Amino acid sequence: RSFEIDFDPAFLSQPEAIEFPSEGGRIAHAFVYRPTSPQQQAPAGERPPLIVKSHGGPTAVTSSALKLGVVQYWTSRGFAVMDVNYGGSTGYGRAYRELLRGAWGIVDVDDCTHAALFAASQGLADPERLAVSGGSAGGYTTLCALTFREAFAAGASHYGVGDLEALTRDTHKFESRYLDGLIGPYPERRDLYLERSPIHHATRLSCPVIFFQGLEDRIVPPNQAEAMVAALAARGIAHAYVPFEGEQHGFRRVENIRTVLEGELFFYAHVFGFPVDVRPPAVRIVG
C-alpha cells in the first residue's frame, strides 16, 4: 500500500547500490545510505558510525524501498547504513542465491563483515564505530558476526537465532526442513548445528550487544537471548536485555517499536560515546 509521509524530504537519504569484494574476492551487494540531515553536521574530519543491516529470510532480499525505521531513522541521526544483500539473497541470479546452500552462518557473515570493512576503507564510516544489526535470521547473522568475527564494536539482536538445533526442533511446519539446505541434514550433521550456533560459543562474544526479545516468541524463545546475556554479564561486557510482554516473533505494538528504535540509539550512544536526547526507561545498560 502507498502512504503519505509528512516530513521534509531533505531528511531522506538516497540509496546507492554498490558491489564490494568479500571473502576470496567474491563480489557481494548492498545499498549504502549516507547520513542526511539539514539540521546536524558532523564535526570536521569525523567519519560517521556505521550500522550494517542483515536482512531476514535468510534467502530473502532487501530492497531500496523507503524504510523509515530500518534506515531513515538512523541516517537522519548521523549514522551511515549498509543494507546488505549477502550471498544467498534473492534477485542476483541462481548462482548467487545458492551461495548460502550449506553455508548459512558463513557466507552471510563474511559478506556483512566485509561490507563494514569496505565502508571503513572507502572513508564512508569510522572504523572504530562499526555496528551490525538484524532480526530473526538477520539476528542470527548478527550474532554470528559478533561471536565469530572481530570487525564490529557493537551490535543489536532483534529476536535473533542463537541456537540452530533448537530452531530446527521448534520451528513452524512451513520451514520444518529449511535448515537441511542451509546447514545440513539434522540430526546427521548435528556437529554443524553446534559449530555454527553462537549460543554454544558465547564466551567468544567480546563486544557490547543489546537484545530485544518478545517473551511469547515460539520461534526463537527468550532463553536463547538470555543465555547470551548471561555470558556477557559473566565477563563484565556492556549489554542490555529488553524483553517485551505480549510480543512474539517481531514487535507490533507502537510503544514497543519506539522503545526498540530509541533503545538501540541510546545503546550505540553509550558504546560509541556521543550524546543523544533519548533514554527509554526499559533499556538498562549493564557493564
Protein backbone atom coordinates (compact mmCIF):
# COMPACT_ATOMS: atom_id res chain seq x y z
CA ARG A 1 0.00 0.00 0.00
CA SER A 2 1.12 3.55 -0.66
CA PHE A 3 1.11 6.08 2.15
CA GLU A 4 1.83 9.73 2.74
CA ILE A 5 4.88 10.89 4.71
CA ASP A 6 4.66 14.21 6.42
CA PHE A 7 8.21 15.42 6.85
CA ASP A 8 10.87 17.32 4.97
CA PRO A 9 12.39 15.20 2.16
CA ALA A 10 15.70 16.88 2.93
CA PHE A 11 15.98 14.30 5.72
CA LEU A 12 15.75 11.37 3.28
CA SER A 13 18.96 9.54 2.47
CA GLN A 14 19.05 8.16 -1.05
CA PRO A 15 20.13 4.53 -1.63
CA GLU A 16 23.29 3.81 -3.59
CA ALA A 17 23.55 0.28 -4.97
CA ILE A 18 27.13 -0.96 -4.68
CA GLU A 19 29.22 -4.06 -5.19
CA PHE A 20 32.10 -4.81 -2.83
CA PRO A 21 34.74 -7.55 -2.52
CA SER A 22 34.05 -10.26 0.02
CA GLU A 23 35.81 -13.45 1.10
CA GLY A 24 38.09 -14.91 -1.55
CA GLY A 25 37.47 -11.99 -3.90
CA ARG A 26 33.81 -12.90 -4.35
CA ILE A 27 31.53 -9.94 -5.14
CA ALA A 28 28.65 -9.11 -2.79
CA HIS A 29 25.93 -6.46 -2.92
CA ALA A 30 24.50 -3.76 -0.67
CA PHE A 31 22.67 -0.46 -0.57
CA VAL A 32 24.62 2.38 1.05
CA TYR A 33 22.82 5.23 2.80
CA ARG A 34 24.82 8.25 3.91
CA PRO A 35 23.95 10.43 6.91
CA THR A 36 21.43 13.05 5.80
CA SER A 37 20.07 15.87 7.93
CA PRO A 38 19.65 19.59 7.24
CA GLN A 39 19.84 20.27 10.98
CA GLN A 40 23.00 18.47 12.04
CA GLN A 41 26.54 18.31 10.74
CA ALA A 42 29.35 16.07 11.92
CA PRO A 43 32.49 17.71 13.30
CA ALA A 44 35.06 18.47 10.61
CA GLY A 45 37.12 15.44 9.67
CA GLU A 46 34.97 12.99 11.62
CA ARG A 47 33.55 9.96 9.86
CA PRO A 48 30.12 8.65 10.87
CA PRO A 49 29.34 5.47 12.78
CA LEU A 50 28.00 2.69 10.57
CA ILE A 51 25.21 0.17 11.03
CA VAL A 52 25.36 -2.91 8.83
CA LYS A 53 21.84 -4.28 8.37
CA SER A 54 21.41 -8.03 7.91
CA HIS A 55 18.03 -8.91 6.42
CA GLY A 56 15.92 -11.88 7.48
CA GLY A 57 14.87 -14.79 5.38
CA PRO A 58 17.69 -15.64 5.04
CA THR A 59 17.23 -16.32 1.30
CA ALA A 60 15.06 -13.22 1.04
CA VAL A 61 16.27 -9.82 -0.15
CA THR A 62 16.42 -6.22 0.97
CA SER A 63 15.43 -3.52 -1.48
CA SER A 64 15.84 0.21 -1.97
CA ALA A 65 12.21 0.83 -0.97
CA LEU A 66 11.65 3.54 1.62
CA LYS A 67 12.33 2.09 5.08
CA LEU A 68 11.71 4.72 7.72
CA GLY A 69 12.59 2.74 10.83
CA VAL A 70 15.19 0.41 9.36
CA VAL A 71 17.22 3.07 7.52
CA GLN A 72 15.98 6.66 7.62
CA TYR A 73 15.72 6.88 11.40
CA TRP A 74 19.46 6.21 11.53
CA THR A 75 20.68 8.35 8.65
CA SER A 76 18.73 11.33 9.97
CA ARG A 77 20.64 10.92 13.24
CA GLY A 78 24.15 10.85 11.84
CA PHE A 79 24.67 7.17 11.03
CA ALA A 80 25.68 5.64 7.74
CA VAL A 81 23.82 2.42 6.90
CA MET A 82 24.80 -0.51 4.69
CA ASP A 83 21.79 -2.69 3.92
CA VAL A 84 23.46 -5.89 2.75
CA ASN A 85 22.23 -8.45 0.25
CA TYR A 86 24.68 -11.13 1.29
CA GLY A 87 25.35 -14.26 -0.74
CA GLY A 88 22.15 -16.31 -0.77
CA SER A 89 19.88 -13.31 -1.27
CA THR A 90 17.25 -13.46 -3.99
CA GLY A 91 17.50 -11.20 -7.02
CA TYR A 92 21.07 -11.64 -8.23
CA GLY A 93 20.70 -14.91 -10.11
CA ARG A 94 20.58 -18.57 -9.14
CA ALA A 95 24.32 -18.95 -8.58
CA TYR A 96 24.32 -16.08 -6.09
CA ARG A 97 21.25 -17.38 -4.26
CA GLU A 98 22.74 -20.83 -3.94
CA LEU A 99 25.89 -19.49 -2.26
CA LEU A 100 24.05 -19.97 1.04
CA ARG A 101 23.37 -23.65 0.43
CA GLY A 102 25.07 -25.46 3.29
CA ALA A 103 26.81 -22.21 4.23
CA TRP A 104 24.40 -20.21 6.40
CA GLY A 105 26.42 -18.66 9.18
CA ILE A 106 29.48 -18.43 6.94
CA VAL A 107 28.75 -16.67 3.63
CA ASP A 108 26.27 -14.20 5.11
CA VAL A 109 28.61 -13.41 7.98
CA ASP A 110 31.58 -12.97 5.63
CA ASP A 111 29.60 -10.54 3.46
CA CYS A 112 28.31 -8.43 6.35
CA THR A 113 31.80 -8.27 7.83
CA HIS A 114 33.42 -7.30 4.54
CA ALA A 115 30.67 -4.72 3.96
CA ALA A 116 31.71 -2.94 7.15
CA LEU A 117 35.41 -3.16 6.35
CA PHE A 118 34.80 -1.88 2.82
CA ALA A 119 32.80 1.09 4.11
CA ALA A 120 35.61 1.96 6.50
CA SER A 121 38.27 1.59 3.80
CA GLN A 122 36.35 3.93 1.49
CA GLY A 123 36.01 6.62 4.13
CA LEU A 124 32.27 6.09 4.47
CA ALA A 125 32.45 5.17 8.15
CA ASP A 126 34.61 5.35 11.26
CA PRO A 127 36.46 2.02 11.52
CA GLU A 128 36.21 2.20 15.32
CA ARG A 129 32.41 2.61 15.32
CA LEU A 130 31.06 -0.25 13.24
CA ALA A 131 27.84 -1.94 14.37
CA VAL A 132 25.72 -4.78 13.00
CA SER A 133 22.00 -5.24 13.49
CA GLY A 134 19.33 -7.69 12.37
CA GLY A 135 16.19 -9.56 13.33
CA SER A 136 15.26 -13.24 13.27
CA ALA A 137 17.51 -14.87 10.62
CA GLY A 138 19.22 -11.49 10.31
CA GLY A 139 19.68 -11.63 14.05
CA TYR A 140 21.42 -14.97 13.63
CA THR A 141 23.83 -13.43 11.13
CA THR A 142 24.32 -10.53 13.54
CA LEU A 143 25.12 -12.80 16.49
CA CYS A 144 27.48 -14.90 14.35
CA ALA A 145 29.30 -11.77 13.16
CA LEU A 146 29.69 -10.59 16.76
CA THR A 147 30.74 -14.02 18.03
CA PHE A 148 32.95 -15.38 15.27
CA ARG A 149 34.41 -12.17 13.78
CA GLU A 150 36.16 -9.12 15.23
CA ALA A 151 35.21 -6.28 12.88
CA PHE A 152 32.32 -4.85 14.90
CA ALA A 153 32.40 -2.76 18.04
CA ALA A 154 28.72 -3.22 18.92
CA GLY A 155 25.56 -4.95 17.78
CA ALA A 156 21.82 -5.32 18.19
CA SER A 157 19.96 -8.62 18.05
CA HIS A 158 16.24 -8.38 17.45
CA TYR A 159 14.80 -11.80 18.40
CA GLY A 160 17.88 -13.32 16.77
CA VAL A 161 18.50 -17.04 16.42
CA GLY A 162 21.30 -18.19 18.70
CA ASP A 163 20.65 -21.95 18.74
CA LEU A 164 20.23 -23.65 15.37
CA GLU A 165 19.45 -27.01 16.93
CA ALA A 166 16.58 -25.53 18.92
CA LEU A 167 15.36 -23.72 15.81
CA THR A 168 15.18 -26.88 13.72
CA ARG A 169 13.32 -28.68 16.51
CA ASP A 170 10.85 -25.92 17.32
CA THR A 171 10.21 -24.02 14.10
CA HIS A 172 6.83 -23.92 12.39
CA LYS A 173 5.76 -26.56 9.86
CA PHE A 174 6.27 -24.41 6.76
CA GLU A 175 10.01 -24.19 7.39
CA SER A 176 10.42 -27.53 9.11
CA ARG A 177 13.20 -28.78 6.79
CA TYR A 178 14.52 -25.40 5.69
CA LEU A 179 17.82 -25.77 7.54
CA ASP A 180 18.62 -29.06 5.78
CA GLY A 181 19.59 -26.98 2.77
CA LEU A 182 21.11 -24.07 4.68
CA ILE A 183 23.17 -26.07 7.20
CA GLY A 184 22.86 -29.82 6.55
CA PRO A 185 20.51 -32.70 7.36
CA TYR A 186 19.60 -32.96 11.03
CA PRO A 187 20.47 -34.90 13.14
CA GLU A 188 23.07 -36.45 10.80
CA ARG A 189 25.09 -33.20 10.72
CA ARG A 190 24.37 -32.10 14.27
CA ASP A 191 28.03 -31.15 14.51
CA LEU A 192 27.45 -28.26 12.08
CA TYR A 193 24.45 -27.04 14.05
CA LEU A 194 26.54 -26.89 17.20
CA GLU A 195 29.57 -25.41 15.44
CA ARG A 196 27.60 -22.52 13.93
CA SER A 197 25.35 -21.71 16.89
CA PRO A 198 26.53 -18.60 18.77
CA ILE A 199 24.87 -19.88 21.93
CA HIS A 200 27.49 -22.65 22.17
CA HIS A 201 30.36 -20.18 21.74
CA ALA A 202 29.05 -17.31 23.84
CA THR A 203 32.40 -16.87 25.58
CA ARG A 204 33.79 -15.65 22.24
CA LEU A 205 31.32 -12.76 22.24
CA SER A 206 33.51 -9.87 23.28
CA CYS A 207 31.77 -6.59 22.39
CA PRO A 208 28.66 -4.80 23.66
CA VAL A 209 25.29 -6.12 22.45
CA ILE A 210 21.69 -5.12 23.03
CA PHE A 211 18.98 -7.79 22.80
CA PHE A 212 15.31 -7.14 22.05
CA GLN A 213 13.08 -10.14 22.70
CA GLY A 214 9.37 -10.99 22.71
CA LEU A 215 8.53 -13.13 25.72
CA GLU A 216 5.91 -15.10 23.78
CA ASP A 217 8.22 -15.86 20.85
CA ARG A 218 7.88 -19.55 20.00
CA ILE A 219 10.25 -19.48 17.02
CA VAL A 220 13.17 -18.01 18.98
CA PRO A 221 12.33 -18.48 22.67
CA PRO A 222 13.67 -15.95 25.21
CA ASN A 223 16.13 -18.44 26.68
CA GLN A 224 18.34 -18.06 23.60
CA ALA A 225 18.86 -14.33 24.20
CA GLU A 226 19.10 -14.87 27.95
CA ALA A 227 21.98 -17.33 27.54
CA MET A 228 23.95 -14.82 25.51
CA VAL A 229 23.19 -12.08 28.03
CA ALA A 230 24.44 -14.28 30.87
CA ALA A 231 27.74 -14.84 29.05
CA LEU A 232 28.26 -11.10 28.60
CA ALA A 233 27.32 -10.42 32.22
CA ALA A 234 29.80 -13.02 33.48
CA ARG A 235 32.61 -11.21 31.67
CA GLY A 236 31.57 -7.68 32.56
CA ILE A 237 30.90 -6.64 28.95
CA ALA A 238 28.35 -3.86 28.41
CA HIS A 239 24.97 -5.20 27.35
CA ALA A 240 21.25 -4.65 27.62
CA TYR A 241 18.33 -7.06 27.52
CA VAL A 242 14.92 -5.62 26.66
CA PRO A 243 12.08 -8.17 26.92
CA PHE A 244 8.53 -7.36 25.84
CA GLU A 245 5.45 -8.90 27.44
CA GLY A 246 2.84 -9.96 24.89
CA GLU A 247 5.17 -9.77 21.88
CA GLN A 248 6.01 -12.75 19.71
CA HIS A 249 8.44 -13.10 16.78
CA GLY A 250 8.56 -9.45 15.79
CA PHE A 251 7.21 -6.37 17.53
CA ARG A 252 3.77 -4.98 16.72
CA ARG A 253 2.84 -2.54 19.47
CA VAL A 254 3.75 1.03 18.60
CA GLU A 255 5.15 1.80 22.04
CA ASN A 256 7.46 -1.22 21.82
CA ILE A 257 8.64 -0.34 18.33
CA ARG A 258 9.51 3.12 19.60
CA THR A 259 11.38 1.63 22.56
CA VAL A 260 13.38 -0.58 20.18
CA LEU A 261 14.45 2.32 17.96
CA GLU A 262 15.27 4.70 20.78
CA GLY A 263 16.82 1.92 22.84
CA GLU A 264 19.20 0.88 20.09
CA LEU A 265 20.19 4.51 19.51
CA PHE A 266 20.73 5.05 23.24
CA PHE A 267 22.87 1.89 23.39
CA TYR A 268 25.10 2.94 20.50
CA ALA A 269 25.49 6.39 22.02
CA HIS A 270 26.67 4.78 25.26
CA VAL A 271 29.13 2.50 23.48
CA PHE A 272 30.46 4.99 20.92
CA GLY A 273 30.49 7.98 23.25
CA PHE A 274 28.16 10.62 21.81
CA PRO A 275 25.18 12.43 23.35
CA VAL A 276 21.54 11.69 22.49
CA ASP A 277 18.28 13.09 23.78
CA VAL A 278 16.55 9.73 24.33
CA ARG A 279 16.73 7.39 27.29
CA PRO A 280 14.00 4.73 27.22
CA PRO A 281 13.14 3.59 30.76
CA ALA A 282 13.01 -0.06 29.63
CA VAL A 283 16.65 -0.02 28.50
CA ARG A 284 19.14 -0.63 31.27
CA ILE A 285 22.76 -0.95 30.19
CA VAL A 286 24.83 -3.22 32.41
CA GLY A 287 28.61 -3.45 32.42
